[in-house]
Amino acid sequence: MTTSKTNNKKYQLIIGRHCLFKSPNYLPGAVKEAASYGANALMIYLGAPQNTRRRPLTELKIPEFKKTLVENNIEIDNVIVHGPYVVNLANTSREEIFHWSVEFLKKEVARMEGIGLKTIILHPGSAVDTPIEEALSQVAKGISLILEKNSTVRIALETMCGRGSEVGINFEQLKYIMDRIEQKERIGVC
């Protein structure tokens, strides 16, 4: 493990990768996979990334997950959730898609709180037939609605490659979104 020292503080390199979240072992299985690579961090989906079907928390083996984290020296803060691809906070042309995305993500954040996880990575979405600034403002509105509940979960916006009408393709667009969110301490970039 690589460490560095600055201002008498010791920093540890945090390294991990996406790990499988699947039946029958769900959360502890993902941690064991990360540990098998020598990782001290991991990213998971809380279900298939192409849909919003989720298993009940009682099936995810949360106590075993927390025990497996300790046994493998992985901090729970280093377990990151990636939101599913099907949500689209940037969509203003179909209001029902925006509202569905916000409501699903509120539930996903509640699930994360039930597990003890603190960070979710989100794709900002696609503008579809909407001007970019309007789509970016819609993303900020959606995130603000998701974060309005007093919670410990943070949202990290993932930079996008710019395929089609994707938004969040550069730091200027991400800053535009973040500038419009009041809960600054709970928003970041991935």
C-alpha atoms as a PDB file:
ATOM      1  CA  MET A   1       0.000   0.000   0.000  1.00  0.00           C
ATOM      2  CA  THR A   2       1.384   3.381  -0.974  1.00  0.00           C
ATOM      3  CA  THR A   3       1.233   6.175   1.543  1.00  0.00           C
ATOM      4  CA  SER A   4       2.439   9.739   1.600  1.00  0.00           C
ATOM      5  CA  LYS A   5       2.941  12.230   4.368  1.00  0.00           C
ATOM      6  CA  THR A   6       1.920  15.903   4.181  1.00  0.00           C
ATOM      7  CA  ASN A   7       1.686  18.305   7.122  1.00  0.00           C
ATOM      8  CA  ASN A   8       2.242  15.385   9.517  1.00  0.00           C
ATOM      9  CA  LYS A   9      -0.887  13.654   8.208  1.00  0.00           C
ATOM     10  CA  LYS A  10      -0.649  10.194   6.728  1.00  0.00           C
ATOM     11  CA  TYR A  11      -2.677   9.491   3.590  1.00  0.00           C
ATOM     12  CA  GLN A  12      -3.451   6.043   2.303  1.00  0.00           C
ATOM     13  CA  LEU A  13      -3.998   5.300  -1.366  1.00  0.00           C
ATOM     14  CA  ILE A  14      -7.632   4.307  -1.903  1.00  0.00           C
ATOM     15  CA  ILE A  15      -8.048   1.969  -4.836  1.00  0.00           C
ATOM     16  CA  GLY A  16     -10.870  -0.220  -6.001  1.00  0.00           C
ATOM     17  CA  ARG A  17     -13.134  -1.108  -8.891  1.00  0.00           C
ATOM     18  CA  HIS A  18     -16.668  -2.057  -9.766  1.00  0.00           C
ATOM     19  CA  CYS A  19     -17.663  -5.313  -8.061  1.00  0.00           C
ATOM     20  CA  LEU A  20     -20.597  -7.601  -8.704  1.00  0.00           C
ATOM     21  CA  PHE A  21     -23.707  -7.221  -6.573  1.00  0.00           C
ATOM     22  CA  LYS A  22     -25.568 -10.437  -7.223  1.00  0.00           C
ATOM     23  CA  SER A  23     -27.520 -13.236  -5.628  1.00  0.00           C
ATOM     24  CA  PRO A  24     -27.039 -14.974  -3.302  1.00  0.00           C
ATOM     25  CA  ASN A  25     -24.280 -12.974  -1.566  1.00  0.00           C
ATOM     26  CA  TYR A  26     -25.116  -9.395  -2.626  1.00  0.00           C
ATOM     27  CA  LEU A  27     -23.219  -6.941  -0.376  1.00  0.00           C
ATOM     28  CA  PRO A  28     -20.764  -9.317   1.364  1.00  0.00           C
ATOM     29  CA  GLY A  29     -20.032 -10.970  -1.977  1.00  0.00           C
ATOM     30  CA  ALA A  30     -19.051  -7.619  -3.491  1.00  0.00           C
ATOM     31  CA  VAL A  31     -16.712  -6.890  -0.566  1.00  0.00           C
ATOM     32  CA  LYS A  32     -15.098 -10.330  -0.859  1.00  0.00           C
ATOM     33  CA  GLU A  33     -14.541  -9.727  -4.576  1.00  0.00           C
ATOM     34  CA  ALA A  34     -12.864  -6.369  -3.851  1.00  0.00           C
ATOM     35  CA  ALA A  35     -10.710  -7.944  -1.143  1.00  0.00           C
ATOM     36  CA  SER A  36      -9.624 -10.683  -3.567  1.00  0.00           C
ATOM     37  CA  TYR A  37      -8.042  -7.940  -5.732  1.00  0.00           C
ATOM     38  CA  GLY A  38      -6.353  -6.334  -2.746  1.00  0.00           C
ATOM     39  CA  ALA A  39      -8.666  -3.326  -3.043  1.00  0.00           C
ATOM     40  CA  ASN A  40      -9.712  -1.107  -0.148  1.00  0.00           C
ATOM     41  CA  ALA A  41     -12.631   0.462  -2.031  1.00  0.00           C
ATOM     42  CA  LEU A  42     -15.385  -0.718  -4.356  1.00  0.00           C
ATOM     43  CA  MET A  43     -18.294   0.493  -6.425  1.00  0.00           C
ATOM     44  CA  ILE A  44     -21.575  -1.384  -6.756  1.00  0.00           C
ATOM     45  CA  TYR A  45     -24.997  -1.022  -8.281  1.00  0.00           C
ATOM     46  CA  LEU A  46     -27.840  -1.810  -5.872  1.00  0.00           C
ATOM     47  CA  GLY A  47     -29.537  -3.696  -8.714  1.00  0.00           C
ATOM     48  CA  ALA A  48     -29.125  -4.080 -12.450  1.00  0.00           C
ATOM     49  CA  PRO A  49     -27.999  -0.731 -13.938  1.00  0.00           C
ATOM     50  CA  GLN A  50     -30.526  -1.044 -16.783  1.00  0.00           C
ATOM     51  CA  ASN A  51     -33.583  -1.052 -14.506  1.00  0.00           C
ATOM     52  CA  THR A  52     -34.862   0.023 -11.101  1.00  0.00           C
ATOM     53  CA  ARG A  53     -35.890  -3.347  -9.671  1.00  0.00           C
ATOM     54  CA  ARG A  54     -34.398  -3.749  -6.227  1.00  0.00           C
ATOM     55  CA  ARG A  55     -34.234  -6.572  -3.676  1.00  0.00           C
ATOM     56  CA  PRO A  56     -35.562  -5.860  -0.175  1.00  0.00           C
ATOM     57  CA  LEU A  57     -32.869  -4.675   2.240  1.00  0.00           C
ATOM     58  CA  THR A  58     -33.505  -7.764   4.372  1.00  0.00           C
ATOM     59  CA  GLU A  59     -32.105  -9.947   1.558  1.00  0.00           C
ATOM     60  CA  LEU A  60     -28.855  -8.007   1.148  1.00  0.00           C
ATOM     61  CA  LYS A  61     -27.087  -9.512   4.198  1.00  0.00           C
ATOM     62  CA  ILE A  62     -26.252  -6.145   5.733  1.00  0.00           C
ATOM     63  CA  PRO A  63     -24.829  -7.452   9.066  1.00  0.00           C
ATOM     64  CA  GLU A  64     -22.566  -9.900   7.184  1.00  0.00           C
ATOM     65  CA  PHE A  65     -21.583  -7.065   4.810  1.00  0.00           C
ATOM     66  CA  LYS A  66     -20.454  -4.859   7.699  1.00  0.00           C
ATOM     67  CA  LYS A  67     -18.549  -7.746   9.293  1.00  0.00           C
ATOM     68  CA  THR A  68     -16.855  -8.556   5.957  1.00  0.00           C
ATOM     69  CA  LEU A  69     -15.803  -4.910   5.581  1.00  0.00           C
ATOM     70  CA  VAL A  70     -14.099  -4.979   8.989  1.00  0.00           C
ATOM     71  CA  GLU A  71     -12.442  -8.352   8.299  1.00  0.00           C
ATOM     72  CA  ASN A  72     -10.980  -6.956   5.076  1.00  0.00           C
ATOM     73  CA  ASN A  73     -10.005  -3.488   6.375  1.00  0.00           C
ATOM     74  CA  ILE A  74     -12.355  -1.714   3.978  1.00  0.00           C
ATOM     75  CA  GLU A  75     -14.059   1.391   5.319  1.00  0.00           C
ATOM     76  CA  ILE A  76     -17.780   1.644   4.617  1.00  0.00           C
ATOM     77  CA  ASP A  77     -17.187   5.175   3.264  1.00  0.00           C
ATOM     78  CA  ASN A  78     -15.127   3.541   0.499  1.00  0.00           C
ATOM     79  CA  VAL A  79     -18.135   1.599  -0.787  1.00  0.00           C
ATOM     80  CA  ILE A  80     -19.641   3.732  -3.530  1.00  0.00           C
ATOM     81  CA  VAL A  81     -23.000   3.189  -5.238  1.00  0.00           C
ATOM     82  CA  HIS A  82     -23.533   3.934  -8.920  1.00  0.00           C
ATOM     83  CA  GLY A  83     -27.059   4.973  -9.880  1.00  0.00           C
ATOM     84  CA  PRO A  84     -28.808   3.111 -12.695  1.00  0.00           C
ATOM     85  CA  TYR A  85     -28.476   4.337 -16.265  1.00  0.00           C
ATOM     86  CA  VAL A  86     -32.228   4.579 -16.834  1.00  0.00           C
ATOM     87  CA  VAL A  87     -32.783   7.688 -14.708  1.00  0.00           C
ATOM     88  CA  ASN A  88     -32.666  11.016 -16.554  1.00  0.00           C
ATOM     89  CA  LEU A  89     -32.737  14.164 -14.452  1.00  0.00           C
ATOM     90  CA  ALA A  90     -31.995  16.333 -17.518  1.00  0.00           C
ATOM     91  CA  ASN A  91     -35.188  15.440 -19.380  1.00  0.00           C
ATOM     92  CA  THR A  92     -37.563  18.410 -19.599  1.00  0.00           C
ATOM     93  CA  SER A  93     -39.490  17.233 -22.659  1.00  0.00           C
ATOM     94  CA  ARG A  94     -41.183  14.430 -20.700  1.00  0.00           C
ATOM     95  CA  GLU A  95     -41.955  15.686 -17.203  1.00  0.00           C
ATOM     96  CA  GLU A  96     -43.031  12.190 -16.078  1.00  0.00           C
ATOM     97  CA  ILE A  97     -39.498  10.855 -16.752  1.00  0.00           C
ATOM     98  CA  PHE A  98     -37.998  13.604 -14.598  1.00  0.00           C
ATOM     99  CA  HIS A  99     -40.431  12.972 -11.715  1.00  0.00           C
ATOM    100  CA  TRP A 100     -40.000   9.204 -11.971  1.00  0.00           C
ATOM    101  CA  SER A 101     -36.195   9.664 -11.861  1.00  0.00           C
ATOM    102  CA  VAL A 102     -36.362  11.934  -8.797  1.00  0.00           C
ATOM    103  CA  GLU A 103     -38.706   9.580  -6.927  1.00  0.00           C
ATOM    104  CA  PHE A 104     -36.597   6.531  -7.727  1.00  0.00           C
ATOM    105  CA  LEU A 105     -33.393   8.274  -6.620  1.00  0.00           C
ATOM    106  CA  LYS A 106     -35.039   9.369  -3.356  1.00  0.00           C
ATOM    107  CA  LYS A 107     -35.789   5.686  -2.701  1.00  0.00           C
ATOM    108  CA  GLU A 108     -32.252   4.675  -3.688  1.00  0.00           C
ATOM    109  CA  VAL A 109     -30.820   7.230  -1.240  1.00  0.00           C
ATOM    110  CA  ALA A 110     -33.107   5.850   1.496  1.00  0.00           C
ATOM    111  CA  ARG A 111     -31.871   2.322   0.685  1.00  0.00           C
ATOM    112  CA  MET A 112     -28.295   3.548   0.953  1.00  0.00           C
ATOM    113  CA  GLU A 113     -29.026   5.081   4.351  1.00  0.00           C
ATOM    114  CA  GLY A 114     -30.506   1.742   5.449  1.00  0.00           C
ATOM    115  CA  ILE A 115     -27.241   0.050   4.510  1.00  0.00           C
ATOM    116  CA  GLY A 116     -24.981   2.828   5.836  1.00  0.00           C
ATOM    117  CA  LEU A 117     -23.560   3.891   2.450  1.00  0.00           C
ATOM    118  CA  LYS A 118     -22.750   7.540   1.843  1.00  0.00           C
ATOM    119  CA  THR A 119     -21.948   8.289  -1.831  1.00  0.00           C
ATOM    120  CA  ILE A 120     -23.862   7.697  -5.054  1.00  0.00           C
ATOM    121  CA  ILE A 121     -22.484   8.433  -8.511  1.00  0.00           C
ATOM    122  CA  LEU A 122     -25.020   9.729 -11.038  1.00  0.00           C
ATOM    123  CA  HIS A 123     -25.017  10.399 -14.737  1.00  0.00           C
ATOM    124  CA  PRO A 124     -26.590  13.861 -15.147  1.00  0.00           C
ATOM    125  CA  GLY A 125     -28.715  12.633 -18.054  1.00  0.00           C
ATOM    126  CA  SER A 126     -29.573  13.629 -21.596  1.00  0.00           C
ATOM    127  CA  ALA A 127     -31.146  16.863 -22.763  1.00  0.00           C
ATOM    128  CA  VAL A 128     -33.191  15.070 -25.467  1.00  0.00           C
ATOM    129  CA  ASP A 129     -34.877  18.013 -27.300  1.00  0.00           C
ATOM    130  CA  THR A 130     -34.072  20.633 -24.655  1.00  0.00           C
ATOM    131  CA  PRO A 131     -31.551  23.503 -24.736  1.00  0.00           C
ATOM    132  CA  ILE A 132     -28.458  22.597 -22.688  1.00  0.00           C
ATOM    133  CA  GLU A 133     -28.865  25.311 -20.008  1.00  0.00           C
ATOM    134  CA  GLU A 134     -32.471  24.266 -19.418  1.00  0.00           C
ATOM    135  CA  ALA A 135     -31.414  20.616 -19.095  1.00  0.00           C
ATOM    136  CA  LEU A 136     -28.583  21.522 -16.693  1.00  0.00           C
ATOM    137  CA  SER A 137     -31.004  23.566 -14.558  1.00  0.00           C
ATOM    138  CA  GLN A 138     -33.372  20.587 -14.531  1.00  0.00           C
ATOM    139  CA  VAL A 139     -30.567  18.345 -13.233  1.00  0.00           C
ATOM    140  CA  ALA A 140     -29.877  20.840 -10.423  1.00  0.00           C
ATOM    141  CA  LYS A 141     -33.590  20.968  -9.588  1.00  0.00           C
ATOM    142  CA  GLY A 142     -33.757  17.169  -9.442  1.00  0.00           C
ATOM    143  CA  ILE A 143     -30.705  16.841  -7.238  1.00  0.00           C
ATOM    144  CA  SER A 144     -32.034  19.543  -4.909  1.00  0.00           C
ATOM    145  CA  LEU A 145     -35.304  17.606  -4.586  1.00  0.00           C
ATOM    146  CA  ILE A 146     -33.405  14.392  -3.844  1.00  0.00           C
ATOM    147  CA  LEU A 147     -31.221  16.102  -1.229  1.00  0.00           C
ATOM    148  CA  GLU A 148     -33.982  18.116   0.479  1.00  0.00           C
ATOM    149  CA  LYS A 149     -34.481  15.351   3.042  1.00  0.00           C
ATOM    150  CA  ASN A 150     -31.968  15.570   5.878  1.00  0.00           C
ATOM    151  CA  SER A 151     -29.601  12.797   4.908  1.00  0.00           C
ATOM    152  CA  THR A 152     -25.950  11.836   5.025  1.00  0.00           C
ATOM    153  CA  VAL A 153     -25.760  10.654   1.411  1.00  0.00           C
ATOM    154  CA  ARG A 154     -23.666  12.648  -1.068  1.00  0.00           C
ATOM    155  CA  ILE A 155     -24.178  12.755  -4.834  1.00  0.00           C
ATOM    156  CA  ALA A 156     -21.160  12.692  -7.152  1.00  0.00           C
ATOM    157  CA  LEU A 157     -21.898  13.766 -10.722  1.00  0.00           C
ATOM    158  CA  GLU A 158     -20.043  11.707 -13.285  1.00  0.00           C
ATOM    159  CA  THR A 159     -18.549  13.510 -16.253  1.00  0.00           C
ATOM    160  CA  MET A 160     -20.024  12.243 -19.497  1.00  0.00           C
ATOM    161  CA  CYS A 161     -18.407  11.692 -22.892  1.00  0.00           C
ATOM    162  CA  GLY A 162     -20.899  13.874 -24.799  1.00  0.00           C
ATOM    163  CA  ARG A 163     -22.561  11.141 -26.809  1.00  0.00           C
ATOM    164  CA  GLY A 164     -25.855  12.275 -28.290  1.00  0.00           C
ATOM    165  CA  SER A 165     -27.506  14.868 -26.080  1.00  0.00           C
ATOM    166  CA  GLU A 166     -25.711  13.959 -22.823  1.00  0.00           C
ATOM    167  CA  VAL A 167     -25.117  16.785 -20.375  1.00  0.00           C
ATOM    168  CA  GLY A 168     -22.367  17.102 -17.789  1.00  0.00           C
ATOM    169  CA  ILE A 169     -19.716  16.673 -20.478  1.00  0.00           C
ATOM    170  CA  ASN A 170     -17.220  19.183 -19.053  1.00  0.00           C
ATOM    171  CA  PHE A 171     -16.405  20.953 -15.810  1.00  0.00           C
ATOM    172  CA  GLU A 172     -18.228  24.109 -16.899  1.00  0.00           C
ATOM    173  CA  GLN A 173     -21.497  22.178 -17.203  1.00  0.00           C
ATOM    174  CA  LEU A 174     -20.933  20.390 -13.890  1.00  0.00           C
ATOM    175  CA  LYS A 175     -20.176  23.732 -12.218  1.00  0.00           C
ATOM    176  CA  TYR A 176     -23.373  25.172 -13.727  1.00  0.00           C
ATOM    177  CA  ILE A 177     -25.333  22.356 -12.050  1.00  0.00           C
ATOM    178  CA  MET A 178     -23.494  22.585  -8.735  1.00  0.00           C
ATOM    179  CA  ASP A 179     -23.853  26.374  -8.529  1.00  0.00           C
ATOM    180  CA  ARG A 180     -27.635  25.898  -8.474  1.00  0.00           C
ATOM    181  CA  ILE A 181     -27.677  23.395  -5.603  1.00  0.00           C
ATOM    182  CA  GLU A 182     -27.938  24.775  -2.063  1.00  0.00           C
ATOM    183  CA  GLN A 183     -26.616  21.672  -0.295  1.00  0.00           C
ATOM    184  CA  LYS A 184     -23.026  22.214  -1.523  1.00  0.00           C
ATOM    185  CA  GLU A 185     -21.520  19.898   1.092  1.00  0.00           C
ATOM    186  CA  ARG A 186     -23.489  16.984  -0.382  1.00  0.00           C
ATOM    187  CA  ILE A 187     -22.571  17.353  -4.055  1.00  0.00           C
ATOM    188  CA  GLY A 188     -19.328  16.494  -5.825  1.00  0.00           C
ATOM    189  CA  VAL A 189     -17.794  15.263  -9.068  1.00  0.00           C
ATOM    190  CA  CYS A 190     -16.604  11.844 -10.123  1.00  0.00           C
END
